[in-house]
């Protein structure tokens, strides 16, 4: 029997902004998606539920949180028709100077209200363990 979770947009946005405000200098959509996957997996294994509830798809470059990737793509393309574009663009900056745009936090969120202590612990541990890794290293890790 397959277990399915429901995406929690507010928690997903909070997790993305949390990562974006953590000082990771090369936070592309690819790297952010890998870090979300690793944090969700860590939290699921330890506490029995993911942080975001996103659906992960097996892609050529490894597992991808599908709606999280849609969020990043909407920001990059400035797709104002995307349902959550306003909230995303209010909190996240896109640096398009790079071939793969990088993300940073424009405005933080009340993380303690949106994320549980265990959510933040999983994100912090993921940042410590994997935040400085390249996308290629993360791709290899998540293909294991």
C-alpha atoms as a PDB file:
ATOM      1  CA  UNK A   1       0.000   0.000   0.000  1.00  0.00           C
ATOM      2  CA  UNK A   2       1.437   3.357  -1.059  1.00  0.00           C
ATOM      3  CA  UNK A   3       1.682   6.111   1.521  1.00  0.00           C
ATOM      4  CA  UNK A   4       0.840   9.584   0.252  1.00  0.00           C
ATOM      5  CA  UNK A   5       1.271  12.938   1.905  1.00  0.00           C
ATOM      6  CA  UNK A   6      -0.306  16.263   0.985  1.00  0.00           C
ATOM      7  CA  UNK A   7       1.799  19.256   0.093  1.00  0.00           C
ATOM      8  CA  UNK A   8       1.725  21.976   2.715  1.00  0.00           C
ATOM      9  CA  UNK A   9       2.523  25.148   0.752  1.00  0.00           C
ATOM     10  CA  UNK A  10       3.247  27.319   3.803  1.00  0.00           C
ATOM     11  CA  UNK A  11       5.678  24.763   5.246  1.00  0.00           C
ATOM     12  CA  UNK A  12       7.286  24.247   1.848  1.00  0.00           C
ATOM     13  CA  UNK A  13       7.748  27.991   1.396  1.00  0.00           C
ATOM     14  CA  UNK A  14       9.105  28.239   4.943  1.00  0.00           C
ATOM     15  CA  UNK A  15      11.570  25.395   4.268  1.00  0.00           C
ATOM     16  CA  UNK A  16      12.735  27.036   1.026  1.00  0.00           C
ATOM     17  CA  UNK A  17      13.155  30.437   2.692  1.00  0.00           C
ATOM     18  CA  UNK A  18      14.920  28.739   5.618  1.00  0.00           C
ATOM     19  CA  UNK A  19      17.421  27.188   3.200  1.00  0.00           C
ATOM     20  CA  UNK A  20      17.723  30.467   1.283  1.00  0.00           C
ATOM     21  CA  UNK A  21      18.531  32.411   4.434  1.00  0.00           C
ATOM     22  CA  UNK A  22      21.094  29.894   5.709  1.00  0.00           C
ATOM     23  CA  UNK A  23      24.087  31.297   3.849  1.00  0.00           C
ATOM     24  CA  UNK A  24      24.349  28.657   1.119  1.00  0.00           C
ATOM     25  CA  UNK A  25      26.022  30.729  -1.594  1.00  0.00           C
ATOM     26  CA  UNK A  26      25.216  28.535  -4.612  1.00  0.00           C
ATOM     27  CA  UNK A  27      21.569  27.703  -3.957  1.00  0.00           C
ATOM     28  CA  UNK A  28      20.178  26.876  -7.390  1.00  0.00           C
ATOM     29  CA  UNK A  29      16.803  25.215  -7.929  1.00  0.00           C
ATOM     30  CA  UNK A  30      18.650  21.941  -8.467  1.00  0.00           C
ATOM     31  CA  UNK A  31      20.597  22.137  -5.230  1.00  0.00           C
ATOM     32  CA  UNK A  32      17.588  23.380  -3.267  1.00  0.00           C
ATOM     33  CA  UNK A  33      15.462  20.484  -4.530  1.00  0.00           C
ATOM     34  CA  UNK A  34      18.136  17.985  -3.459  1.00  0.00           C
ATOM     35  CA  UNK A  35      18.372  19.593  -0.016  1.00  0.00           C
ATOM     36  CA  UNK A  36      14.573  19.553   0.375  1.00  0.00           C
ATOM     37  CA  UNK A  37      14.586  15.863  -0.585  1.00  0.00           C
ATOM     38  CA  UNK A  38      17.308  15.074   1.974  1.00  0.00           C
ATOM     39  CA  UNK A  39      15.621  17.081   4.752  1.00  0.00           C
ATOM     40  CA  UNK A  40      12.211  15.527   4.025  1.00  0.00           C
ATOM     41  CA  UNK A  41      13.747  12.048   3.982  1.00  0.00           C
ATOM     42  CA  UNK A  42      15.648  12.676   7.230  1.00  0.00           C
ATOM     43  CA  UNK A  43      12.477  13.914   8.914  1.00  0.00           C
ATOM     44  CA  UNK A  44      10.327  11.081   7.562  1.00  0.00           C
ATOM     45  CA  UNK A  45      12.749   8.408   8.768  1.00  0.00           C
ATOM     46  CA  UNK A  46      13.209   9.968  12.199  1.00  0.00           C
ATOM     47  CA  UNK A  47       9.722  11.334  12.939  1.00  0.00           C
ATOM     48  CA  UNK A  48       7.332   9.479  10.613  1.00  0.00           C
ATOM     49  CA  UNK A  49       6.330  12.443   8.453  1.00  0.00           C
ATOM     50  CA  UNK A  50       8.027  14.660   5.876  1.00  0.00           C
ATOM     51  CA  UNK A  51       8.429  18.411   6.283  1.00  0.00           C
ATOM     52  CA  UNK A  52       6.802  19.530   3.032  1.00  0.00           C
ATOM     53  CA  UNK A  53       4.540  16.668   1.992  1.00  0.00           C
ATOM     54  CA  UNK A  54       5.675  17.200  -1.598  1.00  0.00           C
ATOM     55  CA  UNK A  55       5.509  14.338  -4.097  1.00  0.00           C
ATOM     56  CA  UNK A  56       8.922  13.136  -5.224  1.00  0.00           C
ATOM     57  CA  UNK A  57       9.418  12.024  -8.799  1.00  0.00           C
ATOM     58  CA  UNK A  58      12.257   9.861 -10.068  1.00  0.00           C
ATOM     59  CA  UNK A  59      14.030  11.929 -12.707  1.00  0.00           C
ATOM     60  CA  UNK A  60      17.248  11.544 -14.661  1.00  0.00           C
ATOM     61  CA  UNK A  61      19.128  13.691 -12.119  1.00  0.00           C
ATOM     62  CA  UNK A  62      17.593  11.855  -9.167  1.00  0.00           C
ATOM     63  CA  UNK A  63      14.552  12.424  -6.948  1.00  0.00           C
ATOM     64  CA  UNK A  64      12.807  15.778  -7.379  1.00  0.00           C
ATOM     65  CA  UNK A  65      10.087  17.352  -5.215  1.00  0.00           C
ATOM     66  CA  UNK A  66       7.662  18.139  -8.029  1.00  0.00           C
ATOM     67  CA  UNK A  67       5.759  21.125  -6.638  1.00  0.00           C
ATOM     68  CA  UNK A  68       8.901  22.645  -5.122  1.00  0.00           C
ATOM     69  CA  UNK A  69      10.506  22.513  -8.555  1.00  0.00           C
ATOM     70  CA  UNK A  70       7.382  24.149 -10.020  1.00  0.00           C
ATOM     71  CA  UNK A  71       7.761  26.957  -7.467  1.00  0.00           C
ATOM     72  CA  UNK A  72      11.363  27.609  -8.469  1.00  0.00           C
ATOM     73  CA  UNK A  73      10.494  27.459 -12.171  1.00  0.00           C
ATOM     74  CA  UNK A  74       7.652  29.963 -11.688  1.00  0.00           C
ATOM     75  CA  UNK A  75      10.019  32.371  -9.961  1.00  0.00           C
ATOM     76  CA  UNK A  76      12.730  32.031 -12.589  1.00  0.00           C
ATOM     77  CA  UNK A  77      10.299  32.538 -15.464  1.00  0.00           C
ATOM     78  CA  UNK A  78       8.378  35.242 -13.566  1.00  0.00           C
ATOM     79  CA  UNK A  79       5.171  33.322 -14.156  1.00  0.00           C
ATOM     80  CA  UNK A  80       2.706  35.617 -12.407  1.00  0.00           C
ATOM     81  CA  UNK A  81      -0.129  33.220 -13.303  1.00  0.00           C
ATOM     82  CA  UNK A  82       1.355  30.615 -10.943  1.00  0.00           C
ATOM     83  CA  UNK A  83      -1.017  30.488  -7.931  1.00  0.00           C
ATOM     84  CA  UNK A  84       1.660  31.210  -5.307  1.00  0.00           C
ATOM     85  CA  UNK A  85       3.851  33.575  -7.335  1.00  0.00           C
ATOM     86  CA  UNK A  86       3.159  36.615  -5.140  1.00  0.00           C
ATOM     87  CA  UNK A  87       4.146  34.837  -1.924  1.00  0.00           C
ATOM     88  CA  UNK A  88       7.222  33.310  -3.540  1.00  0.00           C
ATOM     89  CA  UNK A  89       8.453  36.566  -5.060  1.00  0.00           C
ATOM     90  CA  UNK A  90       7.822  38.427  -1.798  1.00  0.00           C
ATOM     91  CA  UNK A  91      10.179  36.138   0.111  1.00  0.00           C
ATOM     92  CA  UNK A  92      12.730  34.916  -2.440  1.00  0.00           C
ATOM     93  CA  UNK A  93      15.222  36.794  -4.593  1.00  0.00           C
ATOM     94  CA  UNK A  94      16.422  35.338  -7.891  1.00  0.00           C
ATOM     95  CA  UNK A  95      19.951  36.143  -9.038  1.00  0.00           C
ATOM     96  CA  UNK A  96      19.865  35.583 -12.784  1.00  0.00           C
ATOM     97  CA  UNK A  97      23.546  36.497 -13.346  1.00  0.00           C
ATOM     98  CA  UNK A  98      24.426  32.800 -13.319  1.00  0.00           C
ATOM     99  CA  UNK A  99      23.618  30.186 -15.963  1.00  0.00           C
ATOM    100  CA  UNK A 100      21.582  28.452 -13.243  1.00  0.00           C
ATOM    101  CA  UNK A 101      19.903  31.260 -11.261  1.00  0.00           C
ATOM    102  CA  UNK A 102      20.580  31.329  -7.534  1.00  0.00           C
ATOM    103  CA  UNK A 103      18.114  32.003  -4.766  1.00  0.00           C
ATOM    104  CA  UNK A 104      18.338  34.018  -1.594  1.00  0.00           C
ATOM    105  CA  UNK A 105      15.895  35.189   1.029  1.00  0.00           C
ATOM    106  CA  UNK A 106      14.406  38.653   0.563  1.00  0.00           C
ATOM    107  CA  UNK A 107      12.254  38.446   3.635  1.00  0.00           C
ATOM    108  CA  UNK A 108      12.197  35.810   6.339  1.00  0.00           C
ATOM    109  CA  UNK A 109       9.158  34.154   7.808  1.00  0.00           C
ATOM    110  CA  UNK A 110       8.134  33.362  11.390  1.00  0.00           C
ATOM    111  CA  UNK A 111       9.879  29.980  11.161  1.00  0.00           C
ATOM    112  CA  UNK A 112       8.964  28.976  14.729  1.00  0.00           C
ATOM    113  CA  UNK A 113       5.278  29.355  13.843  1.00  0.00           C
ATOM    114  CA  UNK A 114       5.424  27.560  10.488  1.00  0.00           C
ATOM    115  CA  UNK A 115       8.014  24.855  11.109  1.00  0.00           C
ATOM    116  CA  UNK A 116       8.183  22.515  14.073  1.00  0.00           C
ATOM    117  CA  UNK A 117      11.344  22.200  16.115  1.00  0.00           C
ATOM    118  CA  UNK A 118      11.983  18.829  14.477  1.00  0.00           C
ATOM    119  CA  UNK A 119      11.468  20.366  10.996  1.00  0.00           C
ATOM    120  CA  UNK A 120      14.125  22.986  11.738  1.00  0.00           C
ATOM    121  CA  UNK A 121      16.454  20.359  13.229  1.00  0.00           C
ATOM    122  CA  UNK A 122      16.196  18.274  10.050  1.00  0.00           C
ATOM    123  CA  UNK A 123      16.805  21.332   7.876  1.00  0.00           C
ATOM    124  CA  UNK A 124      19.755  22.459  10.035  1.00  0.00           C
ATOM    125  CA  UNK A 125      21.341  19.007   9.948  1.00  0.00           C
ATOM    126  CA  UNK A 126      20.839  18.798   6.190  1.00  0.00           C
ATOM    127  CA  UNK A 127      22.444  22.232   5.749  1.00  0.00           C
ATOM    128  CA  UNK A 128      25.407  21.214   7.952  1.00  0.00           C
ATOM    129  CA  UNK A 129      25.878  17.858   6.234  1.00  0.00           C
ATOM    130  CA  UNK A 130      25.177  18.828   2.639  1.00  0.00           C
ATOM    131  CA  UNK A 131      24.870  22.605   2.186  1.00  0.00           C
ATOM    132  CA  UNK A 132      28.456  23.032   1.001  1.00  0.00           C
ATOM    133  CA  UNK A 133      28.302  20.126  -1.452  1.00  0.00           C
ATOM    134  CA  UNK A 134      28.107  20.744  -5.172  1.00  0.00           C
ATOM    135  CA  UNK A 135      25.068  19.720  -7.161  1.00  0.00           C
ATOM    136  CA  UNK A 136      27.106  16.874  -8.684  1.00  0.00           C
ATOM    137  CA  UNK A 137      27.919  15.558  -5.194  1.00  0.00           C
ATOM    138  CA  UNK A 138      24.267  15.829  -4.175  1.00  0.00           C
ATOM    139  CA  UNK A 139      23.152  14.116  -7.361  1.00  0.00           C
ATOM    140  CA  UNK A 140      25.534  11.217  -6.663  1.00  0.00           C
ATOM    141  CA  UNK A 141      24.362  11.021  -3.028  1.00  0.00           C
ATOM    142  CA  UNK A 142      20.678  10.947  -3.902  1.00  0.00           C
ATOM    143  CA  UNK A 143      21.204   8.302  -6.576  1.00  0.00           C
ATOM    144  CA  UNK A 144      22.568   5.892  -3.955  1.00  0.00           C
END
